[in-house]
Amino acid sequence: MRILLVEDDDRIAKPLAEDLRHQNHAVDIASDGIEGWDYIQSVNYDLILLDLMLPKLDGIALCKRLRAAKSNALILMLTARDTTSDKVFGLDAGADDYLVKPFELEELAARIRALSRRVPETKPLILSHRDLQLNPSSCTVTYGNQPLSLTPKEYMILECFLRNPAQVLTRAAILDKLWDFDRSSGEGTVKTHITNLRSKLKAAGSSENFIETVYGIGYRLSRTP
């Protein structure tokens, strides 16, 4: 699933996002309600994990804004406030479920699986570029109908490019997006993964520059046929 985590406490957000990524979800993090709203304007999320107490725009207000904008993203509220009235406010604002902190990661994963079963399966999202196709729901990648065997990080990097096809991504940006909890990894790690990803794509029949190097800046998907 494509997930937005709106949580202002880094001690919660970073390990939670890392755990979700290990489950092959694509995760973005926003640290306040306004930043969360900005993310939602540019990306179609399957699920929003929404803290109730947020700076700038609280979770209830953001939830109401989403539903007023006709967003059909699933919303799971996360909060330390365990009262019936708080739960009622959250659900009445448009949340699909409610989880009280502290919670076990296993319970959150089970809640996400339960919510994902509510998503209609009539229009599976397929990300594509030329002859390459990536299916986020099954975590499979093909090039010219030939399956590609990728490591989790290679898969996540490729998905990041496909979701931002016109954007130049720096090594630092990729590192921050996919390695934000394990900062022992350096930008050289990103370069190694991209080199390996290029080799696998080339072996499947892609051109040499499927992922272009923009010298002095970063990488992007090739814009030439």
Foldseek 3Di string as FASTA:
>chain_A
DAEEEAAQDCVPPVVLCLVVLVVVYQYDYHNFLVSVVVVVVQDQGQEYEAEQDGPPAGRLRSLLVCVVVVRPHAYEYEYQDDDPVVQVSNVVSPHPYYDHPPDDSVVVVVVVVVSVVVDDPPDFDWQDDQQWIAGSVVRWIDGVNHTFDADSLLSNVVVVQSSVQVDFAALVNSCCRNVVPPVVDDSVVVVVSVVVSLVRNVVNPDDNPCWPAPPPGHIHGDPDD
